[in-house]
Amino acid sequence: MNFKKLMMATAAGACAMAANAYAVDLDAFADQVNAHMASLGKNIEIDYMEYITDAESEQMGQTIIFKNTGNKQLAFDFVPFDPRRTGLQEIQMIVDDVDTLHAVSGMEGEPIPTIPAGTDIAAFHSVNATWDGVQCSTIPVNDLGDSGVDLGIVQNILGYGGNGAIVAADVGHYGFLPPSFFDAIGGPGGGAGILGVTFTFRFIDGAGNSTDIDNNGVADAAFREIYYNTNFPWTDNPNDVIGDGGIDLESVALHEMGHGLSQGHFGNGFINKNGKIIIAPKASMNAAHTSAHREVTGTDLGGHCSNWANWPVN
């Protein structure tokens, strides 16, 4: 089994652990999103979401497949020169500079941010550069900069602003949202445990099946949207460890950007006798955040290289 299949198997195991208490609501949400995309004349559907949790919440992150009927597929990659996206070789990223941590925090009693304004935007751009700098891959991550407008289809449909008509980039860091958004997509308690979430949209044919226009055996990703939770004491701390009272934002953003580039969750987690989550091996793509991890190394590097080593040079 190659590394990519191993990651997918690990993610599938996470799916199996997910509770079904809110599955009906998620299916209704998926129907709403898909109907909206169809109304825009786009052959695109939402397929799954991956979220990372705070290890101190004693909950493991999950990968949740929407409308779990027939697709059941976790491997989605972008296609180079795909005319349905931009037709370009590159993967385009954008950062929503409207739903910033300082602009959104406090709407639902969340902690007041202690990091300087602009630190969140800088962290998102930093992780884009980090993934772009991985040398084993020729895939170019083109950072389009700040949006200047509120973006995000998922948040728009759920009533949290955004824009329901614009797919602005292949991957977007669409900013911070209050804990009620994460309750809506993660079930009761989601707002207390989920640090960030990435939604994957897929291209479909006229029959609603995933497409594979480059015939590589992997379904085609359309775009991904990333959101972060205001309900945490976010810090800019490369030495962040569990129990220090903060969460290093750049480490979580690196994880979510990994999802944006088709990485799945990695590593096994268990709760020790003190009630804390222990994860091994340590990686950025662990499903729960235990300490700062700002570099693409080890298993994260292997997964990225497996996914993108054959991306064509322009």
Foldseek 3Di string as FASTA:
>chain_A
DALLVVQVVVQVVLQVPADCPCLVLLQVLQVLLVVLCVVLVAQKGWFWKWFFWALVVLDFTHIHTHPPPDAPDQFAAADALPVLAPNHLAFEEEEEPQQALQNAPPPVHADHADDDPPPLLVLLVLLLVQVQPQDLFPHHYHYPYYDVAQADQSCVSVPNDHDNNDPDGQEYARYEHELVSLCSVRNPCRSVITFKMKIWMAGADPVSHFDDVVPPPGGHTHHMYMYGYSRAHEDCDQFFFPPPRYDDSSLLSNLRVLVRRSGHADWDWDADPVSGIDTPPDDSRHRYDGGHDNHQDDSSSSNNSVRGSPSDDD
